[in-house]
Amino acid sequence: MHASTTPRRSPNANYQTVGEEAIIIDINTGSYYSANDTATMFWELIDGQRTIADCAQTIAGDYDVEPGEVEADLLELAAELKDEGLILV
């Protein structure tokens, strides 16, 4: 996966935001995942239009950190979400 990847949420994944965190549910398996505030922001930005780099830029602006730091974390998170079948690339 690369910063230029444009992930989208799987149609088999549903989520509900509770406070600043999201609960993501795989409707096929019933497995659920809790996302912290940064992961929730990433999840909500994933739309098949934005690249991971675009998402990193947005999140970095909100947290006043360097986009490169956020991008590395998002690449790792995106790989995990893909492995779980929650996003498609």
C-alpha atoms as a PDB file:
ATOM      1  CA  MET A   1       0.000   0.000   0.000  1.00  0.00           C
ATOM      2  CA  HIS A   2       1.218   3.510  -0.789  1.00  0.00           C
ATOM      3  CA  ALA A   3       0.356   7.078   0.156  1.00  0.00           C
ATOM      4  CA  SER A   4      -1.306   7.405  -3.277  1.00  0.00           C
ATOM      5  CA  THR A   5      -3.742   4.541  -2.518  1.00  0.00           C
ATOM      6  CA  THR A   6      -7.406   5.579  -2.477  1.00  0.00           C
ATOM      7  CA  PRO A   7      -9.134   3.241  -0.033  1.00  0.00           C
ATOM      8  CA  ARG A   8     -12.872   2.964   0.412  1.00  0.00           C
ATOM      9  CA  ARG A   9     -14.931   1.412   3.157  1.00  0.00           C
ATOM     10  CA  SER A  10     -16.157  -2.093   2.473  1.00  0.00           C
ATOM     11  CA  PRO A  11     -19.914  -2.407   1.960  1.00  0.00           C
ATOM     12  CA  ASN A  12     -19.698  -5.156   4.597  1.00  0.00           C
ATOM     13  CA  ALA A  13     -18.491  -2.697   7.235  1.00  0.00           C
ATOM     14  CA  ASN A  14     -20.875  -0.583   9.234  1.00  0.00           C
ATOM     15  CA  TYR A  15     -19.982   1.902  11.933  1.00  0.00           C
ATOM     16  CA  GLN A  16     -21.405   4.079  14.640  1.00  0.00           C
ATOM     17  CA  THR A  17     -19.636   7.031  16.194  1.00  0.00           C
ATOM     18  CA  VAL A  18     -19.864   7.268  19.962  1.00  0.00           C
ATOM     19  CA  GLY A  19     -18.306  10.479  21.233  1.00  0.00           C
ATOM     20  CA  GLU A  20     -15.042  10.825  19.331  1.00  0.00           C
ATOM     21  CA  GLU A  21     -14.614   7.100  18.742  1.00  0.00           C
ATOM     22  CA  ALA A  22     -16.130   4.740  16.219  1.00  0.00           C
ATOM     23  CA  ILE A  23     -17.282   1.169  16.592  1.00  0.00           C
ATOM     24  CA  ILE A  24     -16.762  -0.596  13.269  1.00  0.00           C
ATOM     25  CA  ILE A  25     -18.674  -3.823  12.663  1.00  0.00           C
ATOM     26  CA  ASP A  26     -18.041  -6.410   9.963  1.00  0.00           C
ATOM     27  CA  ILE A  27     -21.619  -7.411   9.160  1.00  0.00           C
ATOM     28  CA  ASN A  28     -20.481 -10.709   7.634  1.00  0.00           C
ATOM     29  CA  THR A  29     -18.608 -11.968  10.673  1.00  0.00           C
ATOM     30  CA  GLY A  30     -20.116  -9.920  13.494  1.00  0.00           C
ATOM     31  CA  SER A  31     -16.621  -8.872  14.560  1.00  0.00           C
ATOM     32  CA  TYR A  32     -16.353  -5.355  15.877  1.00  0.00           C
ATOM     33  CA  TYR A  33     -13.483  -2.952  16.309  1.00  0.00           C
ATOM     34  CA  SER A  34     -13.063   0.168  18.391  1.00  0.00           C
ATOM     35  CA  ALA A  35     -11.288   3.109  16.757  1.00  0.00           C
ATOM     36  CA  ASN A  36      -9.685   5.960  18.673  1.00  0.00           C
ATOM     37  CA  ASP A  37     -10.330   9.568  17.646  1.00  0.00           C
ATOM     38  CA  THR A  38      -7.577   9.685  14.998  1.00  0.00           C
ATOM     39  CA  ALA A  39      -8.581   6.336  13.494  1.00  0.00           C
ATOM     40  CA  THR A  40     -12.215   7.491  13.507  1.00  0.00           C
ATOM     41  CA  MET A  41     -11.281  10.632  11.607  1.00  0.00           C
ATOM     42  CA  PHE A  42      -9.402   8.484   9.068  1.00  0.00           C
ATOM     43  CA  TRP A  43     -12.361   6.103   8.793  1.00  0.00           C
ATOM     44  CA  GLU A  44     -14.713   8.986   8.077  1.00  0.00           C
ATOM     45  CA  LEU A  45     -12.350  10.407   5.429  1.00  0.00           C
ATOM     46  CA  ILE A  46     -12.082   7.101   3.557  1.00  0.00           C
ATOM     47  CA  ASP A  47     -14.375   7.558   0.574  1.00  0.00           C
ATOM     48  CA  GLY A  48     -12.610   6.087  -2.456  1.00  0.00           C
ATOM     49  CA  GLN A  49     -11.785   9.628  -3.608  1.00  0.00           C
ATOM     50  CA  ARG A  50      -9.121  10.721  -1.125  1.00  0.00           C
ATOM     51  CA  THR A  51      -5.681   9.191  -1.038  1.00  0.00           C
ATOM     52  CA  ILE A  52      -4.041   8.155   2.195  1.00  0.00           C
ATOM     53  CA  ALA A  53      -1.761  11.182   1.737  1.00  0.00           C
ATOM     54  CA  ASP A  54      -4.841  13.440   1.465  1.00  0.00           C
ATOM     55  CA  CYS A  55      -6.223  11.975   4.681  1.00  0.00           C
ATOM     56  CA  ALA A  56      -2.872  12.441   6.411  1.00  0.00           C
ATOM     57  CA  GLN A  57      -2.796  16.094   5.354  1.00  0.00           C
ATOM     58  CA  THR A  58      -6.281  16.696   6.788  1.00  0.00           C
ATOM     59  CA  ILE A  59      -5.563  14.901  10.053  1.00  0.00           C
ATOM     60  CA  ALA A  60      -2.148  16.560  10.441  1.00  0.00           C
ATOM     61  CA  GLY A  61      -3.815  19.961  10.126  1.00  0.00           C
ATOM     62  CA  ASP A  62      -6.251  19.126  12.908  1.00  0.00           C
ATOM     63  CA  TYR A  63      -3.502  17.894  15.236  1.00  0.00           C
ATOM     64  CA  ASP A  64      -0.794  20.382  14.205  1.00  0.00           C
ATOM     65  CA  VAL A  65       1.763  17.682  13.366  1.00  0.00           C
ATOM     66  CA  GLU A  66       3.765  16.873  10.262  1.00  0.00           C
ATOM     67  CA  PRO A  67       1.798  15.038   7.549  1.00  0.00           C
ATOM     68  CA  GLY A  68       4.651  12.540   7.133  1.00  0.00           C
ATOM     69  CA  GLU A  69       4.245  11.332  10.702  1.00  0.00           C
ATOM     70  CA  VAL A  70       0.515  10.858  10.250  1.00  0.00           C
ATOM     71  CA  GLU A  71       0.965   9.232   6.842  1.00  0.00           C
ATOM     72  CA  ALA A  72       3.179   6.468   8.259  1.00  0.00           C
ATOM     73  CA  ASP A  73       0.587   5.698  10.928  1.00  0.00           C
ATOM     74  CA  LEU A  74      -2.264   5.739   8.412  1.00  0.00           C
ATOM     75  CA  LEU A  75      -0.433   3.365   6.078  1.00  0.00           C
ATOM     76  CA  GLU A  76      -0.081   0.905   8.952  1.00  0.00           C
ATOM     77  CA  LEU A  77      -3.727   1.346   9.977  1.00  0.00           C
ATOM     78  CA  ALA A  78      -4.946   1.004   6.382  1.00  0.00           C
ATOM     79  CA  ALA A  79      -3.022  -2.261   6.021  1.00  0.00           C
ATOM     80  CA  GLU A  80      -4.699  -3.603   9.167  1.00  0.00           C
ATOM     81  CA  LEU A  81      -8.158  -2.492   8.003  1.00  0.00           C
ATOM     82  CA  LYS A  82      -7.546  -4.110   4.606  1.00  0.00           C
ATOM     83  CA  ASP A  83      -6.397  -7.355   6.238  1.00  0.00           C
ATOM     84  CA  GLU A  84      -9.611  -7.386   8.281  1.00  0.00           C
ATOM     85  CA  GLY A  85     -11.692  -6.808   5.124  1.00  0.00           C
ATOM     86  CA  LEU A  86     -13.003  -3.463   6.356  1.00  0.00           C
ATOM     87  CA  ILE A  87     -11.603  -1.384   3.498  1.00  0.00           C
ATOM     88  CA  LEU A  88     -11.040  -2.034  -0.183  1.00  0.00           C
ATOM     89  CA  VAL A  89      -8.159  -0.620  -2.205  1.00  0.00           C
END
